[in-house]
């Protein structure tokens, strides 16, 4: 029992101190998930020691469930916004590349003269 607690806390500390992720969102998300694991292990220990009533166990279970659902929603939203940003960056990059090619080839000044 205590080995699981020790491993979960040790993993939490090592991950937090080593900061293996460059993306700040991913780092914060991983940190929250590690805390979720620690809380789950603590909850299991409380149930095993029979230190909670049945109503308390249900409330803690519901709290852990809503926390997990919130994390799923956060990941879904962040994934969509990241994809949207990448799509915008690609469109912006294509536009910059196209205007650079047109400027260097001399087509853009000729087009401007005909438009004005």
N, C-alpha and C. Protein backbone atom coordinates (compact mmCIF):
# COMPACT_ATOMS: atom_id res chain seq x y z
N UNK A 1 0.83 -1.20 0.00
CA UNK A 1 0.00 0.00 0.00
C UNK A 1 0.86 1.25 0.00
N UNK A 2 1.81 1.27 0.90
CA UNK A 2 2.62 2.47 1.03
C UNK A 2 3.59 2.62 -0.12
N UNK A 3 3.91 1.51 -0.77
CA UNK A 3 4.77 1.58 -1.95
C UNK A 3 4.08 2.36 -3.06
N UNK A 4 2.78 2.16 -3.22
CA UNK A 4 2.02 2.88 -4.25
C UNK A 4 2.02 4.37 -3.95
N UNK A 5 1.84 4.74 -2.71
CA UNK A 5 1.86 6.15 -2.33
C UNK A 5 3.24 6.74 -2.59
N UNK A 6 4.27 6.02 -2.20
CA UNK A 6 5.64 6.50 -2.39
C UNK A 6 5.96 6.67 -3.88
N UNK A 7 5.57 5.71 -4.68
CA UNK A 7 5.85 5.78 -6.12
C UNK A 7 5.07 6.93 -6.76
N UNK A 8 3.82 7.11 -6.39
CA UNK A 8 3.03 8.19 -7.00
C UNK A 8 3.57 9.57 -6.61
N UNK A 9 3.95 9.74 -5.37
CA UNK A 9 4.51 11.03 -4.94
C UNK A 9 5.90 11.25 -5.54
N UNK A 10 6.71 10.21 -5.59
CA UNK A 10 8.04 10.32 -6.17
C UNK A 10 7.96 10.67 -7.66
N UNK A 11 7.05 10.04 -8.36
CA UNK A 11 6.85 10.35 -9.78
C UNK A 11 6.41 11.79 -9.96
N UNK A 12 5.52 12.25 -9.10
CA UNK A 12 5.05 13.63 -9.16
C UNK A 12 6.21 14.61 -8.97
N UNK A 13 7.03 14.36 -7.98
CA UNK A 13 8.14 15.26 -7.68
C UNK A 13 9.19 15.24 -8.79
N UNK A 14 9.52 14.05 -9.28
CA UNK A 14 10.54 13.95 -10.33
C UNK A 14 10.07 14.65 -11.60
N UNK A 15 8.82 14.43 -11.97
CA UNK A 15 8.31 15.08 -13.18
C UNK A 15 8.28 16.59 -13.03
N UNK A 16 7.88 17.05 -11.86
CA UNK A 16 7.79 18.50 -11.65
C UNK A 16 9.17 19.16 -11.64
N UNK A 17 10.13 18.52 -11.03
CA UNK A 17 11.46 19.11 -10.92
C UNK A 17 12.25 19.01 -12.22
N UNK A 18 12.04 17.95 -12.98
CA UNK A 18 12.81 17.78 -14.22
C UNK A 18 12.25 18.61 -15.37
N UNK A 19 10.99 18.98 -15.30
CA UNK A 19 10.32 19.77 -16.34
C UNK A 19 10.63 19.24 -17.75
N UNK A 20 10.17 18.02 -18.07
CA UNK A 20 10.55 17.43 -19.35
C UNK A 20 9.83 18.01 -20.57
N UNK A 21 8.76 18.77 -20.37
CA UNK A 21 7.97 19.25 -21.49
C UNK A 21 8.28 20.71 -21.77
N UNK A 22 8.42 21.04 -23.05
CA UNK A 22 8.64 22.44 -23.43
C UNK A 22 7.33 23.21 -23.50
N UNK A 23 6.27 22.51 -23.83
CA UNK A 23 4.95 23.14 -23.91
C UNK A 23 4.43 23.37 -22.49
N UNK A 24 4.18 24.62 -22.11
CA UNK A 24 3.72 24.89 -20.74
C UNK A 24 2.36 24.26 -20.43
N UNK A 25 1.47 24.19 -21.42
CA UNK A 25 0.17 23.55 -21.18
C UNK A 25 0.35 22.08 -20.86
N UNK A 26 1.17 21.39 -21.63
CA UNK A 26 1.39 19.97 -21.41
C UNK A 26 2.03 19.72 -20.06
N UNK A 27 2.94 20.59 -19.68
CA UNK A 27 3.58 20.46 -18.37
C UNK A 27 2.57 20.63 -17.24
N UNK A 28 1.73 21.64 -17.34
CA UNK A 28 0.72 21.87 -16.31
C UNK A 28 -0.32 20.75 -16.29
N UNK A 29 -0.70 20.27 -17.47
CA UNK A 29 -1.66 19.19 -17.54
C UNK A 29 -1.10 17.92 -16.90
N UNK A 30 0.14 17.61 -17.19
CA UNK A 30 0.77 16.43 -16.61
C UNK A 30 0.87 16.56 -15.10
N UNK A 31 1.18 17.75 -14.63
CA UNK A 31 1.25 17.98 -13.19
C UNK A 31 -0.12 17.75 -12.54
N UNK A 32 -1.17 18.25 -13.17
CA UNK A 32 -2.53 18.02 -12.65
C UNK A 32 -2.89 16.54 -12.66
N UNK A 33 -2.50 15.84 -13.70
CA UNK A 33 -2.80 14.41 -13.77
C UNK A 33 -2.04 13.64 -12.70
N UNK A 34 -0.82 14.03 -12.41
CA UNK A 34 -0.08 13.38 -11.33
C UNK A 34 -0.78 13.60 -9.99
N UNK A 35 -1.27 14.80 -9.77
CA UNK A 35 -2.01 15.05 -8.53
C UNK A 35 -3.29 14.23 -8.49
N UNK A 36 -3.90 14.05 -9.65
CA UNK A 36 -5.10 13.21 -9.71
C UNK A 36 -4.77 11.78 -9.28
N UNK A 37 -3.63 11.28 -9.71
CA UNK A 37 -3.22 9.93 -9.32
C UNK A 37 -2.96 9.86 -7.82
N UNK A 38 -2.29 10.86 -7.28
CA UNK A 38 -2.02 10.88 -5.84
C UNK A 38 -3.33 10.92 -5.05
N UNK A 39 -4.27 11.74 -5.49
CA UNK A 39 -5.56 11.82 -4.80
C UNK A 39 -6.32 10.50 -4.90
N UNK A 40 -6.24 9.84 -6.04
CA UNK A 40 -6.92 8.55 -6.19
C UNK A 40 -6.31 7.51 -5.25
N UNK A 41 -5.00 7.49 -5.16
CA UNK A 41 -4.35 6.54 -4.25
C UNK A 41 -4.74 6.83 -2.81
N UNK A 42 -4.77 8.10 -2.45
CA UNK A 42 -5.19 8.47 -1.09
C UNK A 42 -6.64 8.04 -0.83
N UNK A 43 -7.48 8.21 -1.82
CA UNK A 43 -8.88 7.81 -1.70
C UNK A 43 -8.98 6.30 -1.49
N UNK A 44 -8.20 5.55 -2.25
CA UNK A 44 -8.21 4.09 -2.09
C UNK A 44 -7.75 3.68 -0.70
N UNK A 45 -6.75 4.40 -0.17
CA UNK A 45 -6.29 4.09 1.18
C UNK A 45 -7.37 4.42 2.23
N UNK A 46 -8.09 5.52 2.02
CA UNK A 46 -9.17 5.86 2.93
C UNK A 46 -10.28 4.79 2.91
N UNK A 47 -10.59 4.32 1.72
CA UNK A 47 -11.60 3.26 1.61
C UNK A 47 -11.11 1.97 2.26
N UNK A 48 -9.86 1.64 2.03
CA UNK A 48 -9.31 0.40 2.59
C UNK A 48 -9.27 0.44 4.11
N UNK A 49 -8.98 1.60 4.67
CA UNK A 49 -8.93 1.74 6.13
C UNK A 49 -10.31 1.96 6.73
N UNK A 50 -11.33 2.05 5.89
CA UNK A 50 -12.71 2.28 6.30
C UNK A 50 -12.83 3.55 7.15
N UNK A 51 -12.15 4.60 6.69
CA UNK A 51 -12.19 5.88 7.38
C UNK A 51 -13.25 6.82 6.82
N UNK A 52 -13.95 6.40 5.78
CA UNK A 52 -15.00 7.23 5.20
C UNK A 52 -16.33 6.48 5.27
N UNK A 53 -17.37 7.26 5.35
CA UNK A 53 -18.71 6.66 5.31
C UNK A 53 -19.06 6.40 3.84
N UNK A 54 -20.15 5.76 3.62
CA UNK A 54 -20.55 5.48 2.23
C UNK A 54 -20.89 6.78 1.50
N UNK A 55 -21.49 7.74 2.20
CA UNK A 55 -21.80 9.04 1.56
C UNK A 55 -20.52 9.80 1.24
N UNK A 56 -19.54 9.74 2.15
CA UNK A 56 -18.26 10.40 1.90
C UNK A 56 -17.52 9.78 0.73
N UNK A 57 -17.59 8.46 0.62
CA UNK A 57 -16.95 7.77 -0.50
C UNK A 57 -17.59 8.15 -1.82
N UNK A 58 -18.91 8.27 -1.81
CA UNK A 58 -19.61 8.67 -3.03
C UNK A 58 -19.25 10.10 -3.41
N UNK A 59 -19.18 10.99 -2.44
CA UNK A 59 -18.83 12.39 -2.72
C UNK A 59 -17.41 12.51 -3.28
N UNK A 60 -16.49 11.78 -2.71
CA UNK A 60 -15.11 11.82 -3.21
C UNK A 60 -15.04 11.25 -4.61
N UNK A 61 -15.77 10.17 -4.85
CA UNK A 61 -15.80 9.57 -6.19
C UNK A 61 -16.36 10.55 -7.22
N UNK A 62 -17.42 11.24 -6.84
CA UNK A 62 -18.02 12.23 -7.75
C UNK A 62 -17.04 13.38 -8.02
N UNK A 63 -16.35 13.83 -7.00
CA UNK A 63 -15.36 14.89 -7.18
C UNK A 63 -14.24 14.45 -8.12
N UNK A 64 -13.73 13.24 -7.95
CA UNK A 64 -12.69 12.74 -8.84
C UNK A 64 -13.21 12.58 -10.27
N UNK A 65 -14.46 12.13 -10.41
CA UNK A 65 -15.06 11.99 -11.73
C UNK A 65 -15.17 13.33 -12.44
N UNK A 66 -15.68 14.34 -11.75
CA UNK A 66 -15.82 15.67 -12.36
C UNK A 66 -14.45 16.28 -12.69
N UNK A 67 -13.48 16.02 -11.87
CA UNK A 67 -12.13 16.51 -12.17
C UNK A 67 -11.60 15.87 -13.45
N UNK A 68 -11.82 14.57 -13.60
CA UNK A 68 -11.39 13.90 -14.83
C UNK A 68 -12.13 14.42 -16.04
N UNK A 69 -13.44 14.63 -15.92
CA UNK A 69 -14.21 15.17 -17.04
C UNK A 69 -13.76 16.57 -17.41
N UNK A 70 -13.45 17.37 -16.40
CA UNK A 70 -12.93 18.72 -16.66
C UNK A 70 -11.61 18.66 -17.42
N UNK A 71 -10.76 17.74 -17.04
CA UNK A 71 -9.48 17.59 -17.74
C UNK A 71 -9.69 17.17 -19.20
N UNK A 72 -10.66 16.31 -19.45
CA UNK A 72 -10.96 15.89 -20.83
C UNK A 72 -11.43 17.09 -21.65
N UNK A 73 -12.28 17.92 -21.07
CA UNK A 73 -12.77 19.11 -21.76
C UNK A 73 -11.63 20.08 -22.04
N UNK A 74 -10.76 20.28 -21.07
CA UNK A 74 -9.62 21.18 -21.26
C UNK A 74 -8.72 20.68 -22.38
N UNK A 75 -8.46 19.39 -22.42
CA UNK A 75 -7.62 18.83 -23.48
C UNK A 75 -8.29 19.00 -24.84
N UNK A 76 -9.58 18.76 -24.91
CA UNK A 76 -10.30 18.91 -26.18
C UNK A 76 -10.26 20.35 -26.67
N UNK A 77 -10.48 21.28 -25.78
CA UNK A 77 -10.45 22.70 -26.16
C UNK A 77 -9.05 23.12 -26.59
N UNK A 78 -8.04 22.71 -25.85
CA UNK A 78 -6.68 23.09 -26.20
C UNK A 78 -6.25 22.45 -27.52
N UNK A 79 -6.67 21.23 -27.76
CA UNK A 79 -6.33 20.58 -29.02
C UNK A 79 -6.94 21.31 -30.20
N UNK A 80 -8.19 21.71 -30.04
CA UNK A 80 -8.85 22.45 -31.13
C UNK A 80 -8.19 23.80 -31.38
N UNK A 81 -7.85 24.53 -30.32
CA UNK A 81 -7.23 25.83 -30.52
C UNK A 81 -5.82 25.70 -31.09
N UNK A 82 -5.10 24.65 -30.69
CA UNK A 82 -3.76 24.44 -31.24
C UNK A 82 -3.85 24.13 -32.73
N UNK A 83 -4.82 23.28 -33.11
CA UNK A 83 -5.00 22.96 -34.53
C UNK A 83 -5.39 24.21 -35.31
N UNK A 84 -6.26 25.02 -34.74
CA UNK A 84 -6.68 26.27 -35.40
C UNK A 84 -5.49 27.21 -35.59
N UNK A 85 -4.65 27.33 -34.56
CA UNK A 85 -3.46 28.19 -34.67
C UNK A 85 -2.50 27.68 -35.73
N UNK A 86 -2.32 26.37 -35.80
CA UNK A 86 -1.42 25.81 -36.82
C UNK A 86 -1.97 26.06 -38.21
N UNK A 87 -3.29 25.91 -38.38
CA UNK A 87 -3.89 26.18 -39.68
C UNK A 87 -3.71 27.64 -40.07
N UNK A 88 -3.88 28.55 -39.12
CA UNK A 88 -3.67 29.97 -39.41
C UNK A 88 -2.21 30.26 -39.76
N UNK A 89 -1.31 29.62 -39.06
CA UNK A 89 0.11 29.82 -39.33
C UNK A 89 0.47 29.32 -40.73
N UNK A 90 -0.11 28.18 -41.12
CA UNK A 90 0.16 27.66 -42.46
C UNK A 90 -0.39 28.61 -43.52
N UNK A 91 -1.58 29.12 -43.30
CA UNK A 91 -2.17 30.06 -44.27
C UNK A 91 -1.34 31.33 -44.34
N UNK A 92 -0.93 31.81 -43.18
CA UNK A 92 -0.10 33.01 -43.15
C UNK A 92 1.23 32.78 -43.82
N UNK A 93 1.82 31.63 -43.61
CA UNK A 93 3.11 31.31 -44.21
C UNK A 93 2.98 31.19 -45.72
N UNK A 94 1.89 30.58 -46.18
CA UNK A 94 1.67 30.45 -47.62
C UNK A 94 1.49 31.83 -48.26
N UNK A 95 0.79 32.73 -47.58
CA UNK A 95 0.59 34.08 -48.10
C UNK A 95 1.91 34.83 -48.18
N UNK A 96 2.72 34.74 -47.13
CA UNK A 96 4.01 35.42 -47.12
C UNK A 96 4.90 34.86 -48.22
N UNK A 97 4.91 33.52 -48.38
CA UNK A 97 5.71 32.91 -49.42
C UNK A 97 5.25 33.36 -50.80
N UNK A 98 3.94 33.39 -51.03
CA UNK A 98 3.41 33.79 -52.34
C UNK A 98 3.74 35.24 -52.65
N UNK A 99 3.57 36.13 -51.69
CA UNK A 99 3.89 37.54 -51.95
C UNK A 99 5.37 37.75 -52.14
N UNK A 100 6.21 37.00 -51.44
CA UNK A 100 7.66 37.11 -51.62
C UNK A 100 8.05 36.67 -53.03
N UNK A 101 7.49 35.57 -53.48
CA UNK A 101 7.78 35.07 -54.84
C UNK A 101 7.32 36.08 -55.87
N UNK A 102 6.12 36.62 -55.68
CA UNK A 102 5.60 37.60 -56.64
C UNK A 102 6.45 38.87 -56.65
N UNK A 103 6.90 39.31 -55.49
CA UNK A 103 7.73 40.52 -55.42
C UNK A 103 9.07 40.29 -56.11
N UNK A 104 9.68 39.13 -55.86
CA UNK A 104 10.99 38.85 -56.43
C UNK A 104 10.92 38.62 -57.94
N UNK A 105 9.82 38.09 -58.41
CA UNK A 105 9.70 37.81 -59.85
C UNK A 105 9.32 39.05 -60.65
N UNK A 106 8.89 40.10 -59.98
CA UNK A 106 8.51 41.31 -60.68
C UNK A 106 7.06 41.31 -61.12
N UNK A 107 6.32 40.27 -60.79
CA UNK A 107 4.91 40.20 -61.19
C UNK A 107 4.07 41.15 -60.36
N UNK A 108 4.37 41.27 -59.07
CA UNK A 108 3.56 42.11 -58.19
C UNK A 108 3.59 43.58 -58.60
N UNK A 109 4.76 44.17 -58.93
CA UNK A 109 4.72 45.58 -59.37
C UNK A 109 3.91 45.76 -60.65
N UNK A 110 3.99 44.81 -61.56
CA UNK A 110 3.21 44.91 -62.80
C UNK A 110 1.73 44.81 -62.50
N UNK A 111 1.36 43.96 -61.56
CA UNK A 111 -0.04 43.83 -61.19
C UNK A 111 -0.54 45.12 -60.54
N UNK A 112 0.31 45.73 -59.71
CA UNK A 112 -0.09 46.98 -59.06
C UNK A 112 -0.32 48.07 -60.09
N UNK A 113 0.56 48.13 -61.11
CA UNK A 113 0.41 49.17 -62.15
C UNK A 113 -0.89 48.99 -62.92
N UNK A 114 -1.28 47.75 -63.18
CA UNK A 114 -2.52 47.54 -63.93
C UNK A 114 -3.75 47.78 -63.07
N UNK A 115 -3.64 47.56 -61.75
CA UNK A 115 -4.79 47.78 -60.88
C UNK A 115 -5.02 49.25 -60.61
N UNK A 116 -3.97 50.05 -60.60
CA UNK A 116 -4.13 51.47 -60.28
C UNK A 116 -4.22 52.27 -61.50
